[in-house]
Amino acid sequence: MNPYLVDLLAQPDALRTLLTNYPRQTLDDLHGRLKRREFDRIIMTGMGSSFNAAYPAFIRLSTQPTPVQFINSAELLHYLDGLISTRSLLWMNSQSGKSAEIVHLLENLKPHSPGCILTFVNDGSSPLASRADISININAGLEATVSTKTYINTLAVNLLAAVKLTGGDVDAAIAELQMAANAMELYLSKWEAHMDQLDLQLGEYNQIFVLGRGNSMSAVWTGSLINKEAAKCAFEGLNAAEFRHGPLELVSREFAAIILAGSPQTISLNRNLGLEIISHGGCVCWVDSNQDPDLFTLLLPETTDFARPLVEILPLQMLTLAMAKRKGIEAGLFRYVGKVTDRE
């Protein structure tokens, strides 16, 4: 079987491994330090899908008093390093723990270390894990190429950390994520049917935007990224509100949008955008756990709002398989990049 597909199908088990081994007490002291206002800011950083996966945690962390910033590691390294001080909590995501920007950022920190370096990494022997004050392993196991298990586990472990640091119930959060793992497994057991359904609905569209808001942005950004990597398709992921500020002009009979319904507070805004795209002649695939009467719906597994970001990536993974099949290429096979990006 294709190694990328093997990794896709292994995502539920990888998530269960993470949840079984999640160190519940590791962040107790850090939570206390945050409550005592020992940090002037939290800076969340990473690259690629590791960075994207932190966004739901970023939103949750914004509910506590300490300001939170979300900055990719290259920008933080070359332009915004002045934001890091001895009172900063530096939250760093990297699957390998040794990508170029992460390593160079760690080297740049040596003269003025932040108040705490918290890392989430798949390799406990990596430079990132070794440099951390607190390091939590995402326990995703080996991965062939495109981020699948590592993305899901990074998203989950970041959410659990954010729950802890905002005073939430970690055990309840773990239970919700365990139910999500079961829902993912059921969905992936029918992966061929999901792939074929999506392929049929999209017809011959090759100009595709992935749109969403809020917590869904993790899947929006990563979904467009993995279609570039795994299927060599230049699809764009964009915030649904931003789409109205100009890109709406792209809509025609050759245009398709995959819109993630997302959380209740903005679902009506996203739905109205979908209906408008259709009125202008475009194609829309609505991604939700409930069938919409007016929009073609790609059904997600039923989850809580908290766990929804984990399952939202699934249809976009199916899209990579459908597009690679159309092109007659092996899905997930790298041509120019490696698993670890070792130069800037």
Protein backbone atom coordinates (compact mmCIF):
# COMPACT_ATOMS: atom_id res chain seq x y z
CA MET A 1 0.00 0.00 0.00
CA ASN A 2 1.07 3.57 -0.68
CA PRO A 3 3.05 4.81 2.41
CA TYR A 4 1.11 8.09 2.52
CA LEU A 5 -2.19 6.21 2.57
CA VAL A 6 -0.85 3.93 5.30
CA ASP A 7 -0.13 7.01 7.42
CA LEU A 8 -3.57 8.47 6.71
CA LEU A 9 -5.28 5.31 7.90
CA ALA A 10 -3.06 5.14 11.00
CA GLN A 11 -4.16 8.53 12.31
CA PRO A 12 -6.79 7.27 14.80
CA ASP A 13 -4.35 4.84 16.42
CA ALA A 14 -1.64 7.52 16.59
CA LEU A 15 -4.08 9.84 18.33
CA ARG A 16 -5.04 7.12 20.81
CA THR A 17 -1.35 6.54 21.59
CA LEU A 18 -0.92 10.24 22.32
CA LEU A 19 -3.99 10.38 24.55
CA THR A 20 -3.00 7.26 26.48
CA ASN A 21 0.47 8.64 27.17
CA TYR A 22 -0.38 12.33 27.66
CA PRO A 23 1.47 13.60 30.78
CA ARG A 24 -1.36 15.27 32.68
CA GLN A 25 0.74 16.84 35.45
CA THR A 26 3.60 18.16 33.31
CA LEU A 27 2.14 21.66 32.97
CA ASP A 28 0.98 22.11 36.57
CA ASP A 29 3.85 24.43 37.50
CA LEU A 30 3.60 26.39 34.25
CA HIS A 31 -0.11 26.94 34.86
CA GLY A 32 0.75 28.37 38.27
CA ARG A 33 3.34 30.70 36.76
CA LEU A 34 0.80 31.98 34.24
CA LYS A 35 -1.74 32.62 36.99
CA ARG A 36 0.92 34.61 38.90
CA ARG A 37 1.50 36.71 35.74
CA GLU A 38 5.18 35.77 35.50
CA PHE A 39 5.09 36.09 31.70
CA ASP A 40 4.48 39.24 29.69
CA ARG A 41 3.38 37.25 26.63
CA ILE A 42 3.03 33.82 25.08
CA ILE A 43 4.62 33.49 21.64
CA MET A 44 3.46 30.48 19.62
CA THR A 45 5.66 29.51 16.71
CA GLY A 46 6.45 26.78 14.19
CA MET A 47 6.48 26.17 10.44
CA GLY A 48 4.10 24.48 8.02
CA SER A 49 1.52 22.09 9.41
CA SER A 50 3.16 22.19 12.86
CA PHE A 51 2.41 25.91 12.98
CA ASN A 52 -1.08 25.55 11.52
CA ALA A 53 -1.97 22.90 14.09
CA ALA A 54 -1.48 25.37 16.95
CA TYR A 55 -4.22 27.77 15.86
CA PRO A 56 -7.15 26.31 17.86
CA ALA A 57 -4.91 26.35 20.95
CA PHE A 58 -4.02 29.97 20.17
CA ILE A 59 -7.71 30.89 20.11
CA ARG A 60 -8.31 29.12 23.43
CA LEU A 61 -5.25 30.70 25.06
CA SER A 62 -6.53 34.13 24.09
CA THR A 63 -9.22 33.74 26.77
CA GLN A 64 -6.67 34.03 29.61
CA PRO A 65 -5.05 37.35 30.72
CA THR A 66 -1.52 36.94 29.29
CA PRO A 67 -1.32 38.25 25.68
CA VAL A 68 -0.71 35.59 23.02
CA GLN A 69 1.05 36.03 19.67
CA PHE A 70 1.03 33.61 16.73
CA ILE A 71 4.15 34.03 14.54
CA ASN A 72 5.87 31.64 12.15
CA SER A 73 9.45 30.79 13.09
CA ALA A 74 11.10 32.38 10.05
CA GLU A 75 9.49 35.77 10.75
CA LEU A 76 10.27 35.45 14.45
CA LEU A 77 13.89 34.62 13.69
CA HIS A 78 14.66 37.34 11.13
CA TYR A 79 12.27 40.20 11.90
CA LEU A 80 10.46 39.84 15.21
CA ASP A 81 13.04 38.41 17.60
CA GLY A 82 12.80 41.61 19.63
CA LEU A 83 9.47 40.33 20.92
CA ILE A 84 11.24 37.58 22.87
CA SER A 85 12.30 38.59 26.36
CA THR A 86 13.22 36.94 29.63
CA ARG A 87 9.51 37.17 30.56
CA SER A 88 8.25 35.40 27.43
CA LEU A 89 6.73 31.93 27.30
CA LEU A 90 7.98 30.61 23.96
CA TRP A 91 5.66 27.86 22.67
CA MET A 92 7.41 25.95 19.86
CA ASN A 93 5.97 23.26 17.56
CA SER A 94 8.08 21.08 15.27
CA GLN A 95 7.49 17.49 14.19
CA SER A 96 11.20 16.76 13.71
CA GLY A 97 12.54 19.29 16.20
CA LYS A 98 15.37 20.07 13.80
CA SER A 99 13.99 22.06 10.87
CA ALA A 100 16.21 24.93 9.75
CA GLU A 101 14.23 27.85 11.16
CA ILE A 102 13.71 26.15 14.51
CA VAL A 103 17.41 25.30 14.91
CA HIS A 104 18.52 28.82 13.94
CA LEU A 105 15.95 30.37 16.26
CA LEU A 106 17.24 28.26 19.13
CA GLU A 107 20.80 29.39 18.36
CA ASN A 108 19.65 33.00 18.30
CA LEU A 109 18.09 32.65 21.75
CA LYS A 110 21.31 31.80 23.57
CA PRO A 111 22.28 35.33 24.73
CA HIS A 112 18.79 36.10 26.13
CA SER A 113 16.79 33.02 26.97
CA PRO A 114 13.02 33.41 27.34
CA GLY A 115 11.35 32.77 30.68
CA CYS A 116 10.27 29.32 29.53
CA ILE A 117 10.57 27.28 26.34
CA LEU A 118 7.66 24.87 25.93
CA THR A 119 7.98 22.46 23.01
CA PHE A 120 5.84 19.84 21.25
CA VAL A 121 7.91 17.48 19.14
CA ASN A 122 7.89 13.95 17.72
CA ASP A 123 11.60 13.30 18.36
CA GLY A 124 12.62 13.45 22.00
CA SER A 125 16.32 13.51 21.08
CA SER A 126 16.04 16.48 18.72
CA PRO A 127 17.70 19.88 19.28
CA LEU A 128 14.30 21.39 20.07
CA ALA A 129 13.45 18.82 22.73
CA SER A 130 16.94 19.06 24.24
CA ARG A 131 16.79 22.87 24.50
CA ALA A 132 13.31 23.01 26.05
CA ASP A 133 12.46 23.73 29.65
CA ILE A 134 9.35 21.59 29.14
CA SER A 135 9.02 19.20 26.20
CA ILE A 136 5.95 17.11 25.42
CA ASN A 137 6.27 14.30 22.88
CA ILE A 138 3.43 14.12 20.34
CA ASN A 139 3.90 10.32 20.06
CA ALA A 140 2.94 10.12 16.38
CA GLY A 141 5.49 7.47 15.43
CA LEU A 142 7.30 7.27 12.11
CA GLU A 143 5.77 9.07 9.15
CA ALA A 144 6.71 8.56 5.50
CA THR A 145 6.28 11.98 3.88
CA VAL A 146 3.38 14.43 4.13
CA SER A 147 2.20 15.38 7.61
CA THR A 148 -0.77 13.24 8.66
CA LYS A 149 -0.35 11.61 12.07
CA THR A 150 2.02 14.38 13.19
CA TYR A 151 -0.48 17.08 12.24
CA ILE A 152 -3.36 15.40 14.09
CA ASN A 153 -1.28 14.72 17.20
CA THR A 154 0.26 18.19 17.25
CA LEU A 155 -3.20 19.74 17.03
CA ALA A 156 -4.50 17.50 19.82
CA VAL A 157 -1.59 17.97 22.20
CA ASN A 158 -1.61 21.75 21.71
CA LEU A 159 -5.32 21.81 22.52
CA LEU A 160 -4.78 19.75 25.66
CA ALA A 161 -2.00 22.08 26.80
CA ALA A 162 -4.23 25.10 26.17
CA VAL A 163 -7.04 23.50 28.17
CA LYS A 164 -4.67 22.98 31.09
CA LEU A 165 -3.22 26.49 30.96
CA THR A 166 -6.67 28.08 30.86
CA GLY A 167 -7.88 26.09 33.86
CA GLY A 168 -10.03 23.63 31.93
CA ASP A 169 -10.81 19.97 32.54
CA VAL A 170 -8.05 17.97 30.81
CA ASP A 171 -9.66 14.59 31.52
CA ALA A 172 -12.90 15.70 29.87
CA ALA A 173 -10.92 17.05 26.90
CA ILE A 174 -9.10 13.74 26.51
CA ALA A 175 -12.42 11.90 26.55
CA GLU A 176 -13.73 14.12 23.74
CA LEU A 177 -10.59 13.50 21.68
CA GLN A 178 -10.88 9.75 22.25
CA MET A 179 -14.39 9.87 20.80
CA ALA A 180 -13.00 11.85 17.87
CA ALA A 181 -10.42 9.10 17.27
CA ASN A 182 -13.23 6.55 17.03
CA ALA A 183 -15.16 8.80 14.64
CA MET A 184 -12.06 9.26 12.48
CA GLU A 185 -11.53 5.51 12.31
CA LEU A 186 -15.07 4.93 11.07
CA TYR A 187 -14.71 7.67 8.44
CA LEU A 188 -11.36 6.36 7.20
CA SER A 189 -12.71 2.80 6.95
CA LYS A 190 -14.68 4.13 3.96
CA TRP A 191 -11.93 6.27 2.49
CA GLU A 192 -12.44 5.10 -1.09
CA ALA A 193 -16.12 6.04 -1.04
CA HIS A 194 -15.31 9.48 0.40
CA MET A 195 -12.62 10.03 -2.23
CA ASP A 196 -14.93 9.02 -5.08
CA GLN A 197 -17.78 11.20 -3.80
CA LEU A 198 -15.55 14.25 -3.66
CA ASP A 199 -14.02 13.53 -7.06
CA LEU A 200 -17.46 13.20 -8.66
CA GLN A 201 -18.81 16.42 -7.16
CA LEU A 202 -15.79 18.49 -8.18
CA GLY A 203 -16.05 17.44 -11.80
CA GLU A 204 -13.31 19.04 -13.85
CA TYR A 205 -12.66 21.96 -11.52
CA ASN A 206 -8.98 22.68 -11.05
CA GLN A 207 -9.26 26.12 -9.41
CA ILE A 208 -10.21 25.29 -5.82
CA PHE A 209 -10.25 27.43 -2.68
CA VAL A 210 -10.54 26.00 0.83
CA LEU A 211 -12.38 28.45 3.09
CA GLY A 212 -13.19 28.63 6.79
CA ARG A 213 -12.90 30.67 9.97
CA GLY A 214 -11.76 30.34 13.57
CA ASN A 215 -10.61 26.88 14.66
CA SER A 216 -11.21 25.62 11.11
CA MET A 217 -8.24 27.63 9.87
CA SER A 218 -5.90 24.79 10.89
CA ALA A 219 -7.58 22.53 8.33
CA VAL A 220 -7.92 25.36 5.78
CA TRP A 221 -4.18 26.08 5.80
CA THR A 222 -3.01 22.48 6.15
CA GLY A 223 -5.54 21.19 3.62
CA SER A 224 -4.22 23.54 0.94
CA LEU A 225 -0.62 22.75 1.96
CA ILE A 226 -0.94 18.96 1.71
CA ASN A 227 -2.67 19.20 -1.67
CA LYS A 228 0.40 21.06 -2.92
CA GLU A 229 2.69 18.44 -1.39
CA ALA A 230 0.78 15.22 -1.95
CA ALA A 231 -1.07 15.94 -5.22
CA LYS A 232 0.96 18.83 -6.74
CA CYS A 233 -2.20 21.01 -6.89
CA ALA A 234 -1.92 24.74 -6.29
CA PHE A 235 -5.10 25.07 -4.25
CA GLU A 236 -5.41 28.05 -1.94
CA GLY A 237 -6.56 28.09 1.67
CA LEU A 238 -8.07 31.38 2.82
CA ASN A 239 -10.14 32.82 5.63
CA ALA A 240 -13.75 32.99 4.46
CA ALA A 241 -14.07 36.64 5.48
CA GLU A 242 -10.91 37.53 3.51
CA PHE A 243 -12.39 35.83 0.46
CA ARG A 244 -15.02 38.57 0.23
CA HIS A 245 -12.29 41.22 0.16
CA GLY A 246 -11.34 40.70 -3.49
CA PRO A 247 -10.97 36.99 -4.30
CA LEU A 248 -14.75 36.67 -4.77
CA GLU A 249 -14.05 38.16 -8.22
CA LEU A 250 -12.51 34.81 -9.21
CA VAL A 251 -15.83 32.97 -9.10
CA SER A 252 -16.95 31.53 -12.44
CA ARG A 253 -18.13 28.20 -13.85
CA GLU A 254 -14.55 26.94 -13.53
CA PHE A 255 -14.34 27.82 -9.83
CA ALA A 256 -14.94 25.53 -6.84
CA ALA A 257 -14.85 26.19 -3.11
CA ILE A 258 -14.65 23.75 -0.24
CA ILE A 259 -16.15 25.58 2.74
CA LEU A 260 -15.78 24.31 6.30
CA ALA A 261 -18.97 25.06 8.24
CA GLY A 262 -17.01 25.44 11.47
CA SER A 263 -18.18 26.66 14.85
CA PRO A 264 -21.74 27.84 15.53
CA GLN A 265 -20.90 31.54 15.90
CA THR A 266 -19.94 31.96 12.22
CA ILE A 267 -21.62 29.04 10.45
CA SER A 268 -24.35 31.26 8.97
CA LEU A 269 -21.76 33.65 7.53
CA ASN A 270 -19.92 30.76 5.87
CA ARG A 271 -23.17 29.30 4.55
CA ASN A 272 -24.26 32.62 3.05
CA LEU A 273 -20.92 32.84 1.26
CA GLY A 274 -21.45 29.37 -0.18
CA LEU A 275 -24.88 30.29 -1.50
CA GLU A 276 -23.49 33.48 -3.04
CA ILE A 277 -20.69 31.58 -4.80
CA ILE A 278 -23.31 29.26 -6.30
CA SER A 279 -25.40 32.24 -7.42
CA HIS A 280 -22.37 33.49 -9.37
CA GLY A 281 -21.96 30.13 -11.13
CA GLY A 282 -19.33 28.49 -8.90
CA CYS A 283 -19.33 25.05 -7.31
CA VAL A 284 -19.44 24.61 -3.52
CA CYS A 285 -18.69 21.60 -1.32
CA TRP A 286 -20.02 22.30 2.18
CA VAL A 287 -18.18 20.42 4.94
CA ASP A 288 -20.30 19.79 8.04
CA SER A 289 -21.60 17.00 10.27
CA ASN A 290 -25.18 17.82 9.19
CA GLN A 291 -26.64 17.60 5.70
CA ASP A 292 -27.47 21.03 4.27
CA PRO A 293 -30.69 21.26 2.24
CA ASP A 294 -29.26 23.73 -0.27
CA LEU A 295 -25.55 22.88 -0.47
CA PHE A 296 -23.80 19.68 -1.57
CA THR A 297 -22.48 18.40 1.76
CA LEU A 298 -19.39 16.37 2.56
CA LEU A 299 -20.39 14.84 5.87
CA LEU A 300 -17.93 14.98 8.75
CA PRO A 301 -18.00 12.50 11.62
CA GLU A 302 -20.03 13.74 14.59
CA THR A 303 -17.81 15.38 17.22
CA THR A 304 -17.99 18.10 19.82
CA ASP A 305 -17.08 21.65 18.84
CA PHE A 306 -13.83 21.21 20.78
CA ALA A 307 -12.77 18.15 18.74
CA ARG A 308 -14.05 19.32 15.35
CA PRO A 309 -10.67 20.69 14.15
CA LEU A 310 -9.26 17.15 14.16
CA VAL A 311 -11.86 15.72 11.78
CA GLU A 312 -12.07 18.74 9.47
CA ILE A 313 -8.83 17.75 7.76
CA LEU A 314 -10.23 14.37 6.62
CA PRO A 315 -12.11 15.49 3.45
CA LEU A 316 -9.08 17.55 2.44
CA GLN A 317 -6.90 14.47 2.80
CA MET A 318 -9.38 12.62 0.57
CA LEU A 319 -8.96 15.47 -1.92
CA THR A 320 -5.22 14.76 -2.12
CA LEU A 321 -5.98 11.14 -3.05
CA ALA A 322 -8.58 12.11 -5.64
CA MET A 323 -6.37 14.71 -7.31
CA ALA A 324 -3.31 12.46 -7.36
CA LYS A 325 -5.42 9.73 -8.96
CA ARG A 326 -6.62 12.20 -11.62
CA LYS A 327 -3.04 13.15 -12.40
CA GLY A 328 -1.83 9.55 -12.48
CA ILE A 329 0.79 10.18 -9.80
CA GLU A 330 1.57 8.48 -6.50
CA ALA A 331 -0.01 10.49 -3.70
CA GLY A 332 2.38 11.86 -1.10
CA LEU A 333 5.58 11.19 -3.03
CA PHE A 334 8.06 14.06 -2.63
CA ARG A 335 10.00 15.25 -5.68
CA TYR A 336 12.09 18.13 -4.36
CA VAL A 337 11.68 18.40 -0.59
CA GLY A 338 12.45 15.99 2.22
CA LYS A 339 10.61 15.06 5.39
CA VAL A 340 12.72 17.58 7.28
CA THR A 341 13.33 21.05 5.82
CA ASP A 342 17.00 21.52 6.63
CA ARG A 343 17.70 24.87 4.94
CA GLU A 344 16.03 28.25 4.79
